[in-house]
C-alpha atoms as a PDB file:
ATOM      1  CA  UNK A   1      20.178  17.039 -13.074  1.00  0.00           C
ATOM      2  CA  UNK A   2      16.638  16.938 -11.736  1.00  0.00           C
ATOM      3  CA  UNK A   3      13.730  15.937 -13.963  1.00  0.00           C
ATOM      4  CA  UNK A   4      11.084  13.329 -14.570  1.00  0.00           C
ATOM      5  CA  UNK A   5      13.186  11.320 -17.001  1.00  0.00           C
ATOM      6  CA  UNK A   6      14.479   7.945 -15.900  1.00  0.00           C
ATOM      7  CA  UNK A   7      18.098   8.183 -14.821  1.00  0.00           C
ATOM      8  CA  UNK A   8      20.552   5.625 -13.439  1.00  0.00           C
ATOM      9  CA  UNK A   9      22.999   5.595 -10.561  1.00  0.00           C
ATOM     10  CA  UNK A  10      25.719   3.039  -9.864  1.00  0.00           C
ATOM     11  CA  UNK A  11      25.181   1.796  -6.305  1.00  0.00           C
ATOM     12  CA  UNK A  12      27.582  -0.980  -5.379  1.00  0.00           C
ATOM     13  CA  UNK A  13      27.086  -3.787  -7.902  1.00  0.00           C
ATOM     14  CA  UNK A  14      23.705  -2.479  -8.990  1.00  0.00           C
ATOM     15  CA  UNK A  15      22.581   0.065 -11.535  1.00  0.00           C
ATOM     16  CA  UNK A  16      19.570   1.715  -9.945  1.00  0.00           C
ATOM     17  CA  UNK A  17      17.026   3.415 -12.212  1.00  0.00           C
ATOM     18  CA  UNK A  18      15.220   6.384 -10.705  1.00  0.00           C
ATOM     19  CA  UNK A  19      13.328   9.597 -11.262  1.00  0.00           C
ATOM     20  CA  UNK A  20      14.054  12.826  -9.373  1.00  0.00           C
ATOM     21  CA  UNK A  21      11.147  15.252  -9.611  1.00  0.00           C
ATOM     22  CA  UNK A  22      11.369  18.780  -8.168  1.00  0.00           C
ATOM     23  CA  UNK A  23       8.768  20.393  -5.967  1.00  0.00           C
ATOM     24  CA  UNK A  24       5.969  22.032  -7.964  1.00  0.00           C
ATOM     25  CA  UNK A  25       5.138  24.589  -5.280  1.00  0.00           C
ATOM     26  CA  UNK A  26       6.665  26.644  -2.524  1.00  0.00           C
ATOM     27  CA  UNK A  27       7.726  26.474   0.190  1.00  0.00           C
ATOM     28  CA  UNK A  28      10.008  23.551  -0.656  1.00  0.00           C
ATOM     29  CA  UNK A  29       9.580  20.965   2.067  1.00  0.00           C
ATOM     30  CA  UNK A  30      12.451  18.576   1.466  1.00  0.00           C
ATOM     31  CA  UNK A  31      12.681  15.192  -0.215  1.00  0.00           C
ATOM     32  CA  UNK A  32      10.478  12.109  -0.150  1.00  0.00           C
ATOM     33  CA  UNK A  33      12.053   8.800  -1.195  1.00  0.00           C
ATOM     34  CA  UNK A  34       9.511   6.298  -2.549  1.00  0.00           C
ATOM     35  CA  UNK A  35      10.199   2.532  -2.403  1.00  0.00           C
ATOM     36  CA  UNK A  36       7.796   0.301  -4.362  1.00  0.00           C
ATOM     37  CA  UNK A  37       6.440  -3.156  -3.663  1.00  0.00           C
ATOM     38  CA  UNK A  38       7.260  -6.602  -5.022  1.00  0.00           C
ATOM     39  CA  UNK A  39       6.836  -7.140  -8.786  1.00  0.00           C
ATOM     40  CA  UNK A  40       6.041  -3.455  -9.267  1.00  0.00           C
ATOM     41  CA  UNK A  41       8.251  -0.525 -10.243  1.00  0.00           C
ATOM     42  CA  UNK A  42       8.432   3.198  -9.591  1.00  0.00           C
ATOM     43  CA  UNK A  43       5.950   4.024 -12.364  1.00  0.00           C
ATOM     44  CA  UNK A  44       3.265   1.466 -11.508  1.00  0.00           C
ATOM     45  CA  UNK A  45       3.438   1.991  -7.742  1.00  0.00           C
ATOM     46  CA  UNK A  46       3.959   5.750  -7.535  1.00  0.00           C
ATOM     47  CA  UNK A  47       3.507   7.625 -10.819  1.00  0.00           C
ATOM     48  CA  UNK A  48       0.435   5.848 -12.181  1.00  0.00           C
ATOM     49  CA  UNK A  49      -1.315   6.156  -8.800  1.00  0.00           C
ATOM     50  CA  UNK A  50      -0.700   9.956  -8.793  1.00  0.00           C
ATOM     51  CA  UNK A  51       1.562   9.857  -5.750  1.00  0.00           C
ATOM     52  CA  UNK A  52       4.394  11.684  -7.523  1.00  0.00           C
ATOM     53  CA  UNK A  53       2.078  14.504  -8.587  1.00  0.00           C
ATOM     54  CA  UNK A  54       0.370  14.657  -5.197  1.00  0.00           C
ATOM     55  CA  UNK A  55       3.641  15.013  -3.329  1.00  0.00           C
ATOM     56  CA  UNK A  56       5.315  17.459  -5.698  1.00  0.00           C
ATOM     57  CA  UNK A  57       2.235  19.701  -5.645  1.00  0.00           C
ATOM     58  CA  UNK A  58       2.463  19.622  -1.849  1.00  0.00           C
ATOM     59  CA  UNK A  59       5.993  21.056  -2.018  1.00  0.00           C
ATOM     60  CA  UNK A  60       8.162  17.948  -1.895  1.00  0.00           C
ATOM     61  CA  UNK A  61      11.028  16.843  -4.094  1.00  0.00           C
ATOM     62  CA  UNK A  62      10.211  13.233  -5.022  1.00  0.00           C
ATOM     63  CA  UNK A  63      12.772  10.527  -5.711  1.00  0.00           C
ATOM     64  CA  UNK A  64      11.321   7.166  -6.793  1.00  0.00           C
ATOM     65  CA  UNK A  65      13.402   4.222  -7.967  1.00  0.00           C
ATOM     66  CA  UNK A  66      13.174   0.673  -9.232  1.00  0.00           C
ATOM     67  CA  UNK A  67      14.381  -1.839  -6.646  1.00  0.00           C
ATOM     68  CA  UNK A  68      17.071  -4.261  -7.768  1.00  0.00           C
ATOM     69  CA  UNK A  69      15.451  -7.066  -9.751  1.00  0.00           C
ATOM     70  CA  UNK A  70      12.631  -4.760 -10.830  1.00  0.00           C
ATOM     71  CA  UNK A  71      11.877  -2.297 -13.609  1.00  0.00           C
ATOM     72  CA  UNK A  72      14.992  -0.928 -15.282  1.00  0.00           C
ATOM     73  CA  UNK A  73      17.376  -1.617 -12.391  1.00  0.00           C
ATOM     74  CA  UNK A  74      19.941  -4.426 -12.356  1.00  0.00           C
ATOM     75  CA  UNK A  75      18.703  -8.011 -12.248  1.00  0.00           C
ATOM     76  CA  UNK A  76      20.296 -10.674 -10.078  1.00  0.00           C
ATOM     77  CA  UNK A  77      19.399 -14.342  -9.989  1.00  0.00           C
ATOM     78  CA  UNK A  78      20.605 -15.642  -6.616  1.00  0.00           C
ATOM     79  CA  UNK A  79      18.484 -15.162  -3.472  1.00  0.00           C
ATOM     80  CA  UNK A  80      21.458 -13.812  -1.510  1.00  0.00           C
ATOM     81  CA  UNK A  81      21.431 -10.711  -3.687  1.00  0.00           C
ATOM     82  CA  UNK A  82      17.985  -9.745  -2.373  1.00  0.00           C
ATOM     83  CA  UNK A  83      18.583  -9.630   1.366  1.00  0.00           C
ATOM     84  CA  UNK A  84      16.452  -6.786   2.708  1.00  0.00           C
ATOM     85  CA  UNK A  85      19.518  -5.110   4.200  1.00  0.00           C
ATOM     86  CA  UNK A  86      21.096  -4.986   0.721  1.00  0.00           C
ATOM     87  CA  UNK A  87      17.955  -3.461  -0.743  1.00  0.00           C
ATOM     88  CA  UNK A  88      17.913  -0.839   2.023  1.00  0.00           C
ATOM     89  CA  UNK A  89      21.569  -0.117   1.244  1.00  0.00           C
ATOM     90  CA  UNK A  90      20.582   0.571  -2.383  1.00  0.00           C
ATOM     91  CA  UNK A  91      18.200   3.259  -1.125  1.00  0.00           C
ATOM     92  CA  UNK A  92      20.897   4.833   1.038  1.00  0.00           C
ATOM     93  CA  UNK A  93      23.336   4.709  -1.886  1.00  0.00           C
ATOM     94  CA  UNK A  94      20.854   6.549  -4.078  1.00  0.00           C
ATOM     95  CA  UNK A  95      20.383   9.251  -1.417  1.00  0.00           C
ATOM     96  CA  UNK A  96      24.182   9.568  -1.257  1.00  0.00           C
ATOM     97  CA  UNK A  97      24.390   9.831  -5.050  1.00  0.00           C
ATOM     98  CA  UNK A  98      21.858  12.659  -5.002  1.00  0.00           C
ATOM     99  CA  UNK A  99      23.421  14.439  -2.032  1.00  0.00           C
ATOM    100  CA  UNK A 100      20.294  14.066   0.124  1.00  0.00           C
ATOM    101  CA  UNK A 101      21.284  13.893   3.789  1.00  0.00           C
ATOM    102  CA  UNK A 102      17.803  13.233   5.195  1.00  0.00           C
ATOM    103  CA  UNK A 103      14.481  12.349   3.597  1.00  0.00           C
ATOM    104  CA  UNK A 104      11.002  11.224   4.388  1.00  0.00           C
ATOM    105  CA  UNK A 105      10.995   7.574   3.304  1.00  0.00           C
ATOM    106  CA  UNK A 106       7.775   5.963   2.130  1.00  0.00           C
ATOM    107  CA  UNK A 107       7.456   2.331   1.130  1.00  0.00           C
ATOM    108  CA  UNK A 108       4.608   0.039   0.145  1.00  0.00           C
ATOM    109  CA  UNK A 109       4.456  -3.690   0.967  1.00  0.00           C
ATOM    110  CA  UNK A 110       7.977  -5.024   0.299  1.00  0.00           C
ATOM    111  CA  UNK A 111       9.005  -1.383   0.046  1.00  0.00           C
ATOM    112  CA  UNK A 112       7.663  -0.800   3.555  1.00  0.00           C
ATOM    113  CA  UNK A 113       9.801  -3.678   4.834  1.00  0.00           C
ATOM    114  CA  UNK A 114      12.835  -2.060   3.182  1.00  0.00           C
ATOM    115  CA  UNK A 115      11.852   1.311   4.685  1.00  0.00           C
ATOM    116  CA  UNK A 116      11.674  -0.192   8.177  1.00  0.00           C
ATOM    117  CA  UNK A 117      15.106  -1.766   7.741  1.00  0.00           C
ATOM    118  CA  UNK A 118      16.466   1.569   6.537  1.00  0.00           C
ATOM    119  CA  UNK A 119      14.961   3.451   9.481  1.00  0.00           C
ATOM    120  CA  UNK A 120      16.396   0.919  11.911  1.00  0.00           C
ATOM    121  CA  UNK A 121      19.893   0.817  10.421  1.00  0.00           C
ATOM    122  CA  UNK A 122      20.262   4.464   9.323  1.00  0.00           C
ATOM    123  CA  UNK A 123      18.140   6.575  11.695  1.00  0.00           C
ATOM    124  CA  UNK A 124      20.026   9.782  10.934  1.00  0.00           C
ATOM    125  CA  UNK A 125      18.901   9.634   7.292  1.00  0.00           C
ATOM    126  CA  UNK A 126      15.151   9.347   7.976  1.00  0.00           C
ATOM    127  CA  UNK A 127      13.012  12.376   8.827  1.00  0.00           C
ATOM    128  CA  UNK A 128       9.892  10.211   8.941  1.00  0.00           C
ATOM    129  CA  UNK A 129       9.003   6.687   7.825  1.00  0.00           C
ATOM    130  CA  UNK A 130       5.738   5.830   6.093  1.00  0.00           C
ATOM    131  CA  UNK A 131       4.908   2.136   5.970  1.00  0.00           C
ATOM    132  CA  UNK A 132       2.068   1.281   3.583  1.00  0.00           C
ATOM    133  CA  UNK A 133       0.589  -2.164   3.046  1.00  0.00           C
ATOM    134  CA  UNK A 134       2.576  -3.719   5.903  1.00  0.00           C
ATOM    135  CA  UNK A 135       1.536  -3.981   9.517  1.00  0.00           C
ATOM    136  CA  UNK A 136       2.481  -6.483  12.214  1.00  0.00           C
ATOM    137  CA  UNK A 137       3.604  -8.967   9.556  1.00  0.00           C
ATOM    138  CA  UNK A 138       6.816  -6.931   9.452  1.00  0.00           C
ATOM    139  CA  UNK A 139       7.816  -8.917  12.523  1.00  0.00           C
ATOM    140  CA  UNK A 140       5.382 -11.843  12.522  1.00  0.00           C
ATOM    141  CA  UNK A 141       5.762 -12.883   8.892  1.00  0.00           C
ATOM    142  CA  UNK A 142       8.532 -13.308   6.364  1.00  0.00           C
ATOM    143  CA  UNK A 143       6.900 -11.522   3.478  1.00  0.00           C
ATOM    144  CA  UNK A 144       4.875 -12.960   0.656  1.00  0.00           C
ATOM    145  CA  UNK A 145       4.277 -16.740   0.535  1.00  0.00           C
ATOM    146  CA  UNK A 146       7.266 -18.674  -0.803  1.00  0.00           C
ATOM    147  CA  UNK A 147       4.920 -20.394  -3.239  1.00  0.00           C
ATOM    148  CA  UNK A 148       4.855 -17.201  -5.281  1.00  0.00           C
ATOM    149  CA  UNK A 149       8.410 -17.998  -6.380  1.00  0.00           C
ATOM    150  CA  UNK A 150       7.192 -21.330  -7.717  1.00  0.00           C
ATOM    151  CA  UNK A 151       4.327 -19.557  -9.467  1.00  0.00           C
ATOM    152  CA  UNK A 152       6.762 -17.196 -11.173  1.00  0.00           C
ATOM    153  CA  UNK A 153       8.734 -20.191 -12.466  1.00  0.00           C
ATOM    154  CA  UNK A 154       5.685 -22.113 -13.732  1.00  0.00           C
ATOM    155  CA  UNK A 155       5.544 -22.596 -17.517  1.00  0.00           C
ATOM    156  CA  UNK A 156       2.537 -20.286 -17.783  1.00  0.00           C
ATOM    157  CA  UNK A 157      -0.268 -18.664 -15.826  1.00  0.00           C
ATOM    158  CA  UNK A 158      -2.626 -21.399 -16.987  1.00  0.00           C
ATOM    159  CA  UNK A 159      -0.730 -23.960 -14.908  1.00  0.00           C
ATOM    160  CA  UNK A 160      -1.682 -22.191 -11.664  1.00  0.00           C
ATOM    161  CA  UNK A 161      -4.840 -22.667  -9.619  1.00  0.00           C
ATOM    162  CA  UNK A 162      -4.054 -20.907  -6.310  1.00  0.00           C
ATOM    163  CA  UNK A 163      -5.649 -17.410  -6.394  1.00  0.00           C
ATOM    164  CA  UNK A 164      -2.715 -15.576  -4.785  1.00  0.00           C
ATOM    165  CA  UNK A 165      -0.186 -17.327  -7.009  1.00  0.00           C
ATOM    166  CA  UNK A 166      -2.250 -16.437 -10.057  1.00  0.00           C
ATOM    167  CA  UNK A 167      -2.605 -12.812  -8.914  1.00  0.00           C
ATOM    168  CA  UNK A 168       1.126 -12.246  -8.505  1.00  0.00           C
ATOM    169  CA  UNK A 169       2.078 -14.126 -11.692  1.00  0.00           C
ATOM    170  CA  UNK A 170      -0.446 -12.079 -13.677  1.00  0.00           C
ATOM    171  CA  UNK A 171       0.776  -8.830 -12.091  1.00  0.00           C
ATOM    172  CA  UNK A 172       4.410  -9.683 -12.825  1.00  0.00           C
ATOM    173  CA  UNK A 173       3.545 -10.379 -16.462  1.00  0.00           C
ATOM    174  CA  UNK A 174       1.489  -7.197 -16.680  1.00  0.00           C
ATOM    175  CA  UNK A 175       4.440  -5.093 -15.466  1.00  0.00           C
ATOM    176  CA  UNK A 176       6.830  -6.800 -17.892  1.00  0.00           C
ATOM    177  CA  UNK A 177       8.959  -8.118 -15.049  1.00  0.00           C
ATOM    178  CA  UNK A 178      11.890 -10.532 -15.182  1.00  0.00           C
ATOM    179  CA  UNK A 179      10.227 -13.587 -13.633  1.00  0.00           C
ATOM    180  CA  UNK A 180      13.461 -15.374 -12.694  1.00  0.00           C
ATOM    181  CA  UNK A 181      14.800 -12.286 -10.924  1.00  0.00           C
ATOM    182  CA  UNK A 182      11.534 -11.913  -9.009  1.00  0.00           C
ATOM    183  CA  UNK A 183      11.629 -15.559  -7.929  1.00  0.00           C
ATOM    184  CA  UNK A 184      15.122 -15.002  -6.508  1.00  0.00           C
ATOM    185  CA  UNK A 185      13.851 -11.855  -4.793  1.00  0.00           C
ATOM    186  CA  UNK A 186      10.997 -13.704  -3.068  1.00  0.00           C
ATOM    187  CA  UNK A 187      13.404 -16.373  -1.834  1.00  0.00           C
ATOM    188  CA  UNK A 188      16.062 -13.924  -0.682  1.00  0.00           C
ATOM    189  CA  UNK A 189      14.128 -11.089   0.962  1.00  0.00           C
ATOM    190  CA  UNK A 190      12.495 -13.070   3.766  1.00  0.00           C
ATOM    191  CA  UNK A 191      14.008 -11.259   6.724  1.00  0.00           C
ATOM    192  CA  UNK A 192      12.043  -9.874   9.664  1.00  0.00           C
ATOM    193  CA  UNK A 193      12.787  -7.256  12.272  1.00  0.00           C
ATOM    194  CA  UNK A 194      12.454  -8.192  15.927  1.00  0.00           C
ATOM    195  CA  UNK A 195      10.112  -6.385  18.297  1.00  0.00           C
ATOM    196  CA  UNK A 196      13.181  -4.856  19.916  1.00  0.00           C
ATOM    197  CA  UNK A 197      14.542  -3.565  16.600  1.00  0.00           C
ATOM    198  CA  UNK A 198      11.183  -2.077  15.653  1.00  0.00           C
ATOM    199  CA  UNK A 199      10.966  -0.499  19.093  1.00  0.00           C
ATOM    200  CA  UNK A 200      14.211   1.364  18.462  1.00  0.00           C
ATOM    201  CA  UNK A 201      12.783   3.190  15.434  1.00  0.00           C
ATOM    202  CA  UNK A 202      12.145   6.576  17.016  1.00  0.00           C
ATOM    203  CA  UNK A 203      11.467   8.609  13.865  1.00  0.00           C
ATOM    204  CA  UNK A 204       7.845   9.622  13.314  1.00  0.00           C
ATOM    205  CA  UNK A 205       6.112   6.655  11.656  1.00  0.00           C
ATOM    206  CA  UNK A 206       2.771   6.272   9.878  1.00  0.00           C
ATOM    207  CA  UNK A 207       1.537   2.707   9.303  1.00  0.00           C
ATOM    208  CA  UNK A 208      -1.198   2.621   6.619  1.00  0.00           C
ATOM    209  CA  UNK A 209      -3.105  -0.581   5.813  1.00  0.00           C
ATOM    210  CA  UNK A 210      -6.362  -1.301   3.984  1.00  0.00           C
ATOM    211  CA  UNK A 211      -9.096  -2.716   6.181  1.00  0.00           C
ATOM    212  CA  UNK A 212      -9.608  -5.550   3.664  1.00  0.00           C
ATOM    213  CA  UNK A 213      -5.893  -6.415   3.412  1.00  0.00           C
ATOM    214  CA  UNK A 214      -5.076  -9.925   4.723  1.00  0.00           C
ATOM    215  CA  UNK A 215      -1.452  -9.734   3.573  1.00  0.00           C
ATOM    216  CA  UNK A 216      -0.206  -6.847   5.744  1.00  0.00           C
ATOM    217  CA  UNK A 217      -1.356  -7.708   9.253  1.00  0.00           C
ATOM    218  CA  UNK A 218      -2.603  -5.159  11.772  1.00  0.00           C
ATOM    219  CA  UNK A 219      -1.392  -1.571  11.383  1.00  0.00           C
ATOM    220  CA  UNK A 220      -2.334  -0.713  14.963  1.00  0.00           C
ATOM    221  CA  UNK A 221      -0.391  -3.647  16.410  1.00  0.00           C
ATOM    222  CA  UNK A 222       2.775  -2.593  14.594  1.00  0.00           C
ATOM    223  CA  UNK A 223       2.383   1.104  15.431  1.00  0.00           C
ATOM    224  CA  UNK A 224       1.984   0.228  19.113  1.00  0.00           C
ATOM    225  CA  UNK A 225       5.533  -1.169  19.181  1.00  0.00           C
ATOM    226  CA  UNK A 226       7.180   2.119  18.184  1.00  0.00           C
ATOM    227  CA  UNK A 227       7.551   5.203  20.384  1.00  0.00           C
ATOM    228  CA  UNK A 228       6.414   7.742  17.783  1.00  0.00           C
ATOM    229  CA  UNK A 229       4.073   5.872  15.464  1.00  0.00           C
ATOM    230  CA  UNK A 230       0.400   5.779  14.622  1.00  0.00           C
ATOM    231  CA  UNK A 231      -1.864   3.729  12.393  1.00  0.00           C
ATOM    232  CA  UNK A 232      -4.032   4.809   9.468  1.00  0.00           C
ATOM    233  CA  UNK A 233      -6.877   2.538   8.371  1.00  0.00           C
ATOM    234  CA  UNK A 234      -7.728   2.738   4.666  1.00  0.00           C
ATOM    235  CA  UNK A 235     -11.427   1.787   4.650  1.00  0.00           C
ATOM    236  CA  UNK A 236     -12.670  -0.941   2.330  1.00  0.00           C
ATOM    237  CA  UNK A 237      -9.402  -1.382   0.437  1.00  0.00           C
ATOM    238  CA  UNK A 238      -7.401  -4.541  -0.144  1.00  0.00           C
ATOM    239  CA  UNK A 239      -3.653  -4.850  -0.609  1.00  0.00           C
ATOM    240  CA  UNK A 240      -3.716  -3.791  -4.250  1.00  0.00           C
ATOM    241  CA  UNK A 241      -6.171  -0.908  -4.049  1.00  0.00           C
ATOM    242  CA  UNK A 242      -5.038   0.728  -0.799  1.00  0.00           C
ATOM    243  CA  UNK A 243      -1.876   2.205  -2.267  1.00  0.00           C
ATOM    244  CA  UNK A 244      -3.558   4.828  -4.459  1.00  0.00           C
ATOM    245  CA  UNK A 245      -6.604   5.445  -2.273  1.00  0.00           C
ATOM    246  CA  UNK A 246      -7.605   9.043  -1.535  1.00  0.00           C
ATOM    247  CA  UNK A 247      -7.844   8.404   2.211  1.00  0.00           C
ATOM    248  CA  UNK A 248      -4.279   7.102   2.067  1.00  0.00           C
ATOM    249  CA  UNK A 249      -3.049  10.234   0.308  1.00  0.00           C
ATOM    250  CA  UNK A 250      -4.919  12.577   2.636  1.00  0.00           C
ATOM    251  CA  UNK A 251      -3.568  10.768   5.681  1.00  0.00           C
ATOM    252  CA  UNK A 252       0.004  10.885   4.404  1.00  0.00           C
ATOM    253  CA  UNK A 253      -0.184  14.599   3.552  1.00  0.00           C
ATOM    254  CA  UNK A 254      -1.602  15.410   6.993  1.00  0.00           C
ATOM    255  CA  UNK A 255       1.132  13.343   8.651  1.00  0.00           C
ATOM    256  CA  UNK A 256       3.886  15.019   6.635  1.00  0.00           C
ATOM    257  CA  UNK A 257       2.481  18.468   7.450  1.00  0.00           C
ATOM    258  CA  UNK A 258       3.057  17.673  11.122  1.00  0.00           C
ATOM    259  CA  UNK A 259       6.758  17.070  10.430  1.00  0.00           C
ATOM    260  CA  UNK A 260       7.457  20.548   8.964  1.00  0.00           C
END
């Protein structure tokens, strides 16, 4: 069954909610798997920003899902359940469920970290990897500040004064997220890849970061570590606004056209 309605797949211990949207034009150019960022979900990250429509109009089948702990997927409350390798395994399990042998895999922020893990551990499944909102901090940082977990567990937004803590708490409330599950996710998904592991990712890679994004780290520095990667600067955009930017979309479509 292939439509825009939310469906679920049993992947290990998790029920993963997803949409599977067919190409809206010919020729059909294969599948793109979309992996959203922390405290978001498939709709906020990919549908509301017009990515799903952009990609299906360009001839791609689009699969977008809610990561464990997010959206309509299963919630867990221990940090060990959010190891990045487990979250990458959820993505592979969903591809298996749908019978997709190889896909372009595109992630944003935490989703880009998961995409990099997937490309490193399962190279045969990845036609190309697109890392948005995450540059050199893939290897030189452990993700979002641990204080965000504390912010998610605070009695209310009004208790918080730190701007980044307030931003993520407000975003999590806006998306209707399970705050306790997200706190466990922040604490459990703090893995990095080494320079050597990143260097073994030989799929085509596009690293896209807003020029006003202090969270991601340098796109060019990360791309330089991989044999078949390049960077895309998204001018004037911060971490939140870069994802849906037109320059981002145009750069991704041009990159994917090179992979046909």
